[in-house]
Protein backbone atom coordinates (compact mmCIF):
# COMPACT_ATOMS: atom_id res chain seq x y z
CA UNK A 1 0.00 0.00 0.00
CA UNK A 2 2.82 2.41 0.90
CA UNK A 3 4.49 1.63 -2.41
CA UNK A 4 1.27 2.36 -4.32
CA UNK A 5 0.77 5.62 -2.40
CA UNK A 6 4.31 6.73 -3.15
CA UNK A 7 3.80 5.87 -6.85
CA UNK A 8 0.58 7.92 -7.01
CA UNK A 9 2.27 10.86 -5.27
CA UNK A 10 5.19 10.71 -7.70
CA UNK A 11 2.81 10.46 -10.68
CA UNK A 12 0.88 13.47 -9.40
CA UNK A 13 4.11 15.50 -9.15
CA UNK A 14 5.09 14.54 -12.70
CA UNK A 15 1.67 15.51 -14.06
CA UNK A 16 1.74 18.81 -12.18
CA UNK A 17 5.21 19.55 -13.52
CA UNK A 18 4.07 18.82 -17.08
CA UNK A 19 0.95 20.95 -16.59
CA UNK A 20 2.86 24.00 -15.37
CA UNK A 21 5.54 23.52 -18.00
CA UNK A 22 2.91 23.48 -20.74
CA UNK A 23 1.19 26.49 -19.22
CA UNK A 24 4.50 28.32 -19.18
CA UNK A 25 5.12 27.44 -22.83
CA UNK A 26 1.64 28.54 -23.84
CA UNK A 27 2.02 31.86 -22.05
CA UNK A 28 5.46 32.38 -23.63
CA UNK A 29 4.21 32.12 -27.19
CA UNK A 30 0.81 33.79 -26.84
CA UNK A 31 1.52 36.96 -24.88
CA UNK A 32 2.93 40.28 -26.01
CA UNK A 33 6.61 40.09 -26.77
CA UNK A 34 7.36 43.78 -27.40
CA UNK A 35 6.93 46.72 -25.07
CA UNK A 36 4.01 48.87 -26.26
CA UNK A 37 5.93 52.15 -26.45
CA UNK A 38 4.90 54.33 -29.45
CA UNK A 39 4.33 51.72 -32.11
CA UNK A 40 1.11 52.19 -34.05
CA UNK A 41 -1.45 49.70 -32.75
CA UNK A 42 -1.46 47.81 -36.04
CA UNK A 43 2.35 47.62 -36.24
CA UNK A 44 2.56 46.55 -32.61
CA UNK A 45 0.24 43.62 -33.27
CA UNK A 46 1.96 42.56 -36.49
CA UNK A 47 5.48 42.77 -35.02
CA UNK A 48 4.41 40.85 -31.91
CA UNK A 49 2.90 38.10 -34.01
CA UNK A 50 6.00 37.87 -36.19
CA UNK A 51 8.24 37.39 -33.16
CA UNK A 52 5.92 34.94 -31.40
CA UNK A 53 5.34 32.83 -34.52
CA UNK A 54 8.97 32.66 -35.63
CA UNK A 55 10.94 32.87 -32.37
CA UNK A 56 11.70 30.09 -29.89
CA UNK A 57 8.58 28.03 -29.24
CA UNK A 58 6.73 29.61 -32.17
CA UNK A 59 4.71 27.61 -34.69
CA UNK A 60 7.19 28.35 -37.51
CA UNK A 61 10.37 27.92 -35.49
CA UNK A 62 12.53 25.09 -36.82
CA UNK A 63 15.35 23.58 -34.85
CA UNK A 64 18.66 24.00 -36.67
CA UNK A 65 17.38 26.91 -38.76
CA UNK A 66 18.22 30.19 -37.06
CA UNK A 67 15.79 33.04 -37.83
CA UNK A 68 17.35 36.46 -38.30
CA UNK A 69 16.37 40.01 -39.19
CA UNK A 70 18.29 42.77 -40.99
CA UNK A 71 18.01 46.48 -40.17
CA UNK A 72 19.30 49.62 -41.78
CA UNK A 73 20.85 51.96 -39.21
CA UNK A 74 20.51 55.66 -40.09
CA UNK A 75 16.93 56.96 -39.93
CA UNK A 76 15.79 53.41 -39.06
CA UNK A 77 17.39 52.36 -35.77
CA UNK A 78 18.15 55.97 -34.83
CA UNK A 79 16.79 59.40 -35.74
CA UNK A 80 18.87 61.19 -38.39
CA UNK A 81 22.20 60.09 -39.86
CA UNK A 82 25.19 59.17 -37.70
CA UNK A 83 27.74 59.30 -40.54
CA UNK A 84 26.68 62.84 -41.42
CA UNK A 85 26.83 63.77 -37.73
CA UNK A 86 30.40 62.47 -37.42
CA UNK A 87 31.43 64.29 -40.60
CA UNK A 88 30.07 67.60 -39.27
CA UNK A 89 31.79 67.02 -35.93
CA UNK A 90 35.02 66.43 -37.82
CA UNK A 91 34.58 69.61 -39.84
CA UNK A 92 33.54 71.91 -37.01
CA UNK A 93 36.34 70.66 -34.78
CA UNK A 94 39.03 70.36 -37.47
CA UNK A 95 39.63 66.73 -36.64
CA UNK A 96 41.66 65.84 -39.70
CA UNK A 97 44.89 63.95 -40.31
CA UNK A 98 44.95 64.14 -44.11
CA UNK A 99 48.15 65.40 -45.64
CA UNK A 100 47.78 68.06 -48.34
CA UNK A 101 48.34 65.37 -50.97
CA UNK A 102 45.73 63.05 -49.42
CA UNK A 103 43.18 65.84 -49.15
CA UNK A 104 43.79 66.89 -52.74
CA UNK A 105 43.31 63.30 -53.89
CA UNK A 106 39.78 63.39 -52.45
CA UNK A 107 38.79 66.35 -54.62
CA UNK A 108 38.44 65.00 -58.13
CA UNK A 109 37.81 67.38 -61.03
CA UNK A 110 36.07 64.60 -62.98
CA UNK A 111 33.87 61.92 -61.42
CA UNK A 112 32.43 59.22 -63.65
CA UNK A 113 32.83 61.61 -66.56
CA UNK A 114 31.00 64.41 -64.70
CA UNK A 115 32.84 67.75 -64.42
CA UNK A 116 30.21 69.95 -62.76
CA UNK A 117 27.42 69.76 -60.21
CA UNK A 118 23.76 69.79 -61.23
CA UNK A 119 21.84 73.00 -61.91
CA UNK A 120 20.32 72.74 -58.43
CA UNK A 121 23.87 73.31 -57.17
CA UNK A 122 24.51 76.20 -59.55
CA UNK A 123 26.28 74.03 -62.13
CA UNK A 124 29.55 74.72 -60.30
CA UNK A 125 32.62 73.21 -61.91
CA UNK A 126 34.25 70.59 -59.70
CA UNK A 127 37.68 72.02 -60.53
CA UNK A 128 36.62 75.43 -59.20
CA UNK A 129 35.17 74.35 -55.86
CA UNK A 130 38.08 71.92 -55.40
CA UNK A 131 40.58 74.77 -55.84
CA UNK A 132 38.69 76.87 -53.29
CA UNK A 133 38.72 74.01 -50.79
CA UNK A 134 42.45 73.44 -51.27
CA UNK A 135 43.06 77.11 -50.43
CA UNK A 136 40.93 76.76 -47.32
CA UNK A 137 42.64 73.55 -46.20
CA UNK A 138 46.11 75.02 -46.69
CA UNK A 139 45.11 78.00 -44.54
CA UNK A 140 43.93 75.64 -41.80
CA UNK A 141 47.14 73.60 -41.92
CA UNK A 142 49.28 76.75 -41.75
CA UNK A 143 47.38 78.49 -38.95
CA UNK A 144 45.60 76.01 -36.65
CA UNK A 145 47.60 74.90 -33.62
CA UNK A 146 46.31 71.38 -34.14
CA UNK A 147 48.54 71.33 -37.23
CA UNK A 148 51.39 73.77 -37.97
CA UNK A 149 50.02 77.08 -36.72
CA UNK A 150 49.34 78.92 -33.48
CA UNK A 151 45.62 79.75 -33.57
CA UNK A 152 43.24 77.97 -31.21
CA UNK A 153 40.11 76.30 -32.49
CA UNK A 154 37.97 79.19 -31.26
CA UNK A 155 40.21 81.66 -33.02
CA UNK A 156 40.03 79.59 -36.19
CA UNK A 157 36.24 79.53 -36.04
CA UNK A 158 36.24 83.32 -36.22
CA UNK A 159 38.11 83.33 -39.55
CA UNK A 160 36.37 83.52 -42.95
CA UNK A 161 38.50 80.66 -44.26
CA UNK A 162 37.26 78.25 -41.56
CA UNK A 163 33.63 79.09 -42.30
CA UNK A 164 34.24 78.84 -46.04
CA UNK A 165 35.82 75.41 -45.59
CA UNK A 166 32.97 73.97 -43.51
CA UNK A 167 30.26 75.39 -45.75
CA UNK A 168 31.90 74.26 -49.01
CA UNK A 169 32.56 70.73 -47.73
CA UNK A 170 28.93 70.27 -46.70
CA UNK A 171 27.74 71.89 -49.93
CA UNK A 172 29.95 69.57 -51.98
CA UNK A 173 28.64 66.47 -50.22
CA UNK A 174 25.06 67.57 -50.95
CA UNK A 175 26.04 68.47 -54.51
CA UNK A 176 27.53 65.04 -55.13
CA UNK A 177 24.33 63.43 -53.84
CA UNK A 178 22.14 65.61 -56.02
CA UNK A 179 24.09 65.24 -59.27
CA UNK A 180 23.14 62.49 -61.72
CA UNK A 181 26.14 60.31 -62.45
CA UNK A 182 27.70 60.85 -59.01
CA UNK A 183 25.05 60.10 -56.37
CA UNK A 184 24.84 58.25 -53.10
CA UNK A 185 27.30 55.43 -53.73
CA UNK A 186 30.09 57.91 -54.41
CA UNK A 187 29.19 60.28 -51.57
CA UNK A 188 28.97 57.58 -48.89
CA UNK A 189 32.46 56.39 -49.76
CA UNK A 190 33.90 59.92 -50.14
CA UNK A 191 32.76 60.96 -46.67
CA UNK A 192 34.63 58.00 -45.16
CA UNK A 193 37.87 58.94 -46.89
CA UNK A 194 38.02 61.97 -44.59
CA UNK A 195 39.15 59.50 -41.90
CA UNK A 196 42.49 59.12 -43.70
CA UNK A 197 45.42 59.14 -41.27
CA UNK A 198 43.36 57.97 -38.27
CA UNK A 199 43.51 54.53 -36.72
CA UNK A 200 40.19 52.70 -36.46
CA UNK A 201 40.26 53.12 -32.68
CA UNK A 202 40.74 56.88 -33.09
CA UNK A 203 37.71 56.97 -35.37
CA UNK A 204 35.70 55.03 -32.80
CA UNK A 205 36.70 57.51 -30.09
CA UNK A 206 35.77 60.48 -32.27
CA UNK A 207 32.48 58.83 -33.24
CA UNK A 208 31.58 58.35 -29.57
CA UNK A 209 32.27 62.05 -28.93
CA UNK A 210 30.19 63.08 -31.95
CA UNK A 211 27.27 60.81 -31.07
CA UNK A 212 27.23 61.98 -27.44
CA UNK A 213 27.33 65.60 -28.59
CA UNK A 214 24.50 65.17 -31.09
CA UNK A 215 22.30 63.17 -28.70
CA UNK A 216 22.42 66.19 -26.38
CA UNK A 217 22.15 68.71 -29.20
CA UNK A 218 18.88 70.40 -30.08
CA UNK A 219 17.01 68.99 -33.06
CA UNK A 220 16.81 71.59 -35.80
CA UNK A 221 17.54 72.65 -39.36
CA UNK A 222 20.50 74.98 -39.92
CA UNK A 223 21.71 76.90 -42.96
CA UNK A 224 25.28 78.05 -43.57
CA UNK A 225 26.49 80.54 -46.19
CA UNK A 226 30.08 80.94 -47.24
CA UNK A 227 31.43 84.35 -46.17
CA UNK A 228 31.53 87.39 -48.41
CA UNK A 229 34.83 89.05 -49.21
CA UNK A 230 36.85 85.96 -50.13
CA UNK A 231 38.17 85.63 -53.65
CA UNK A 232 36.90 82.24 -54.87
CA UNK A 233 36.42 80.51 -58.21
CA UNK A 234 33.07 78.89 -57.40
CA UNK A 235 31.48 81.92 -55.79
CA UNK A 236 29.41 81.90 -52.61
CA UNK A 237 27.50 78.76 -51.67
CA UNK A 238 24.93 77.78 -49.05
CA UNK A 239 24.12 74.45 -47.41
CA UNK A 240 21.65 73.14 -44.84
CA UNK A 241 21.83 70.27 -42.36
CA UNK A 242 19.89 68.67 -39.52
CA UNK A 243 21.21 68.56 -35.97
CA UNK A 244 20.39 66.31 -33.05
CA UNK A 245 20.62 62.51 -33.17
CA UNK A 246 18.10 60.54 -31.11
CA UNK A 247 17.69 56.87 -30.21
CA UNK A 248 14.45 55.03 -30.94
CA UNK A 249 13.41 53.03 -27.83
CA UNK A 250 11.07 51.07 -30.10
CA UNK A 251 14.01 49.78 -32.13
CA UNK A 252 16.12 49.13 -29.04
CA UNK A 253 13.30 47.02 -27.61
CA UNK A 254 12.67 45.27 -30.94
CA UNK A 255 16.34 44.29 -31.11
CA UNK A 256 16.37 43.04 -27.51
CA UNK A 257 13.10 41.15 -27.84
CA UNK A 258 14.10 39.41 -31.06
CA UNK A 259 17.33 38.25 -29.49
CA UNK A 260 15.46 37.04 -26.37
CA UNK A 261 13.28 34.91 -28.66
CA UNK A 262 16.25 33.41 -30.48
CA UNK A 263 15.97 35.66 -33.54
CA UNK A 264 19.38 37.08 -34.46
CA UNK A 265 19.67 40.76 -35.38
CA UNK A 266 22.05 42.23 -37.94
CA UNK A 267 22.63 45.86 -38.89
CA UNK A 268 23.33 46.41 -42.59
CA UNK A 269 24.36 50.03 -43.07
CA UNK A 270 25.87 52.32 -45.69
CA UNK A 271 27.75 54.06 -42.88
CA UNK A 272 31.28 53.14 -41.74
CA UNK A 273 31.16 49.88 -39.81
CA UNK A 274 33.23 51.10 -36.80
CA UNK A 275 30.99 54.18 -36.43
CA UNK A 276 27.83 52.05 -36.33
CA UNK A 277 29.56 49.62 -33.97
CA UNK A 278 30.00 52.50 -31.52
CA UNK A 279 26.40 53.70 -31.72
CA UNK A 280 24.90 50.21 -31.65
CA UNK A 281 27.49 48.57 -29.40
CA UNK A 282 27.22 46.78 -26.08
CA UNK A 283 27.07 49.06 -23.05
CA UNK A 284 27.03 52.35 -24.97
CA UNK A 285 23.78 53.87 -26.23
CA UNK A 286 21.20 51.19 -25.43
CA UNK A 287 21.20 48.89 -28.48
CA UNK A 288 23.72 46.33 -27.16
CA UNK A 289 24.60 44.65 -30.43
CA UNK A 290 27.92 42.82 -30.77
CA UNK A 291 30.29 44.19 -33.40
CA UNK A 292 30.16 40.99 -35.46
CA UNK A 293 26.46 41.66 -36.08
CA UNK A 294 27.17 45.01 -37.73
CA UNK A 295 27.74 45.01 -41.49
CA UNK A 296 28.81 48.27 -43.12
CA UNK A 297 31.27 50.15 -45.29
CA UNK A 298 34.97 49.41 -44.68
CA UNK A 299 38.26 51.11 -45.58
CA UNK A 300 41.78 49.98 -46.32
CA UNK A 301 44.32 50.03 -43.49
CA UNK A 302 48.01 50.69 -44.06
CA UNK A 303 50.92 48.75 -42.59
CA UNK A 304 51.18 51.44 -39.90
CA UNK A 305 47.60 50.75 -38.78
CA UNK A 306 46.26 54.00 -40.21
CA UNK A 307 43.35 54.41 -42.58
CA UNK A 308 44.12 54.91 -46.25
CA UNK A 309 41.57 56.84 -48.35
CA UNK A 310 40.72 53.72 -50.33
CA UNK A 311 37.81 51.31 -50.05
CA UNK A 312 38.63 47.90 -48.58
CA UNK A 313 39.72 45.61 -51.41
CA UNK A 314 37.32 42.75 -52.10
CA UNK A 315 34.55 44.05 -49.86
CA UNK A 316 31.15 45.05 -51.24
CA UNK A 317 29.89 48.63 -50.90
CA UNK A 318 26.89 48.24 -48.62
CA UNK A 319 24.71 50.63 -50.61
CA UNK A 320 21.44 49.58 -52.27
CA UNK A 321 21.95 46.17 -53.96
CA UNK A 322 25.27 45.92 -52.10
CA UNK A 323 23.29 45.34 -48.91
CA UNK A 324 21.75 42.20 -50.40
CA UNK A 325 25.16 41.02 -51.57
CA UNK A 326 26.62 41.61 -48.10
CA UNK A 327 23.81 39.64 -46.45
CA UNK A 328 24.40 36.76 -48.85
CA UNK A 329 28.15 36.82 -48.21
CA UNK A 330 28.26 37.37 -44.46
CA UNK A 331 25.07 35.95 -42.98
CA UNK A 332 23.75 33.30 -45.35
CA UNK A 333 27.16 31.60 -45.48
CA UNK A 334 26.88 30.78 -41.76
CA UNK A 335 25.60 27.40 -40.48
CA UNK A 336 21.85 27.44 -39.90
CA UNK A 337 21.35 30.74 -41.73
CA UNK A 338 21.37 29.68 -45.38
CA UNK A 339 17.93 31.17 -45.85
CA UNK A 340 16.39 34.59 -46.38
CA UNK A 341 15.96 37.13 -43.57
CA UNK A 342 12.66 36.91 -41.73
CA UNK A 343 12.25 40.68 -41.56
CA UNK A 344 13.92 43.92 -42.61
CA UNK A 345 13.69 47.56 -41.57
CA UNK A 346 14.53 50.63 -43.65
CA UNK A 347 13.56 54.17 -44.57
CA UNK A 348 14.86 55.20 -47.99
CA UNK A 349 15.64 54.27 -51.59
CA UNK A 350 19.00 53.02 -50.33
CA UNK A 351 17.16 50.13 -48.62
CA UNK A 352 14.87 49.11 -51.49
CA UNK A 353 16.76 45.98 -52.53
CA UNK A 354 17.14 44.77 -48.94
CA UNK A 355 13.41 45.26 -48.35
CA UNK A 356 12.22 43.60 -51.55
CA UNK A 357 14.71 41.13 -53.04
CA UNK A 358 14.44 38.24 -50.56
CA UNK A 359 11.54 35.98 -51.63
CA UNK A 360 11.43 34.31 -48.21
CA UNK A 361 11.13 37.55 -46.24
CA UNK A 362 7.81 37.73 -44.39
CA UNK A 363 7.62 41.36 -43.30
CA UNK A 364 9.36 44.72 -43.73
CA UNK A 365 9.07 47.88 -41.65
CA UNK A 366 9.40 51.30 -43.27
CA UNK A 367 9.95 54.39 -41.14
CA UNK A 368 7.78 57.01 -42.79
CA UNK A 369 9.76 60.01 -44.04
CA UNK A 370 6.93 60.97 -46.43
CA UNK A 371 9.24 60.48 -49.40
CA UNK A 372 8.59 59.87 -53.07
CA UNK A 373 10.62 57.66 -55.37
CA UNK A 374 10.92 53.92 -54.89
CA UNK A 375 10.48 54.03 -51.11
CA UNK A 376 7.38 56.17 -51.64
CA UNK A 377 5.90 53.40 -53.78
CA UNK A 378 6.50 50.88 -50.97
CA UNK A 379 4.87 53.27 -48.50
CA UNK A 380 1.77 53.30 -50.70
CA UNK A 381 1.79 49.51 -50.71
CA UNK A 382 2.04 49.48 -46.92
CA UNK A 383 -0.99 51.78 -46.69
CA UNK A 384 -2.93 49.53 -49.09
CA UNK A 385 -2.11 46.54 -46.84
CA UNK A 386 -3.21 48.13 -43.57
CA UNK A 387 -6.25 45.81 -43.32
CA UNK A 388 -4.38 42.71 -44.45
CA UNK A 389 -4.00 39.79 -42.05
CA UNK A 390 -0.47 39.21 -43.35
CA UNK A 391 0.99 42.47 -44.72
CA UNK A 392 4.30 42.44 -46.55
CA UNK A 393 5.08 46.05 -45.52
CA UNK A 394 4.14 48.15 -42.52
CA UNK A 395 4.62 51.90 -42.15
CA UNK A 396 5.65 53.55 -38.87
CA UNK A 397 5.41 57.27 -38.14
CA UNK A 398 7.48 59.66 -36.05
CA UNK A 399 7.78 63.33 -35.20
CA UNK A 400 11.00 64.59 -36.74
CA UNK A 401 10.90 67.70 -34.55
CA UNK A 402 11.29 65.62 -31.39
CA UNK A 403 12.90 62.43 -32.69
CA UNK A 404 10.10 60.43 -31.06
CA UNK A 405 7.96 57.74 -32.70
CA UNK A 406 4.24 58.46 -33.10
CA UNK A 407 1.59 55.78 -32.45
CA UNK A 408 0.45 55.98 -36.05
CA UNK A 409 1.67 55.51 -39.61
CA UNK A 410 1.69 59.28 -40.18
CA UNK A 411 4.79 61.40 -39.55
CA UNK A 412 5.35 65.05 -38.77
CA UNK A 413 8.28 66.28 -40.81
CA UNK A 414 10.98 68.57 -39.47
CA UNK A 415 9.74 72.16 -39.32
CA UNK A 416 6.09 71.17 -39.79
CA UNK A 417 3.22 70.67 -37.35
CA UNK A 418 0.70 68.50 -39.20
CA UNK A 419 1.02 64.75 -39.67
CA UNK A 420 1.28 63.37 -43.21
CA UNK A 421 0.79 59.84 -44.46
CA UNK A 422 1.98 59.86 -48.07
CA UNK A 423 3.81 62.35 -50.23
CA UNK A 424 1.38 64.38 -52.34
Foldseek 3Di string as FASTA:
>chain_A
DVVVVVVVVVVVVVVVVVVVVVVVLVCQLPDFLFDPFFAAPLVSVQLRNLLSQDFPSHVNDDPQFFAAEEEAPACWQKDHDLLVLLLLLCLLQVVFDDDLVLLLVLQDCAAQNDQFFDVVQVRFGSVFLSVLLSVLVVVCQCDDPVHNHDDDSVRVVPDLSSLQNSFSVQSVLVRQCRGPSRHDLNSLLSSVLRQFPAFLVVSLVSLLVSLVVQQPDAWAKDKGKRDPDDDGRRDIGMDMDTTHMGGEVSSLRSQVSSVVRRYHYAYQYLHELSSVCNCQDQPHPRNHDHSLRYHYWAFDADPVNGGHSHGDPPQFRSWAVSVVVCCVPRPLVDGSHVAQHQEYEEEDNRCVCVLPVHPNHQAYEYEYPQDDDPVLVVLVQQVVCSVPPRRRYHAWEEESNVRYTHNDNWYHHHPGDDTDRHHD
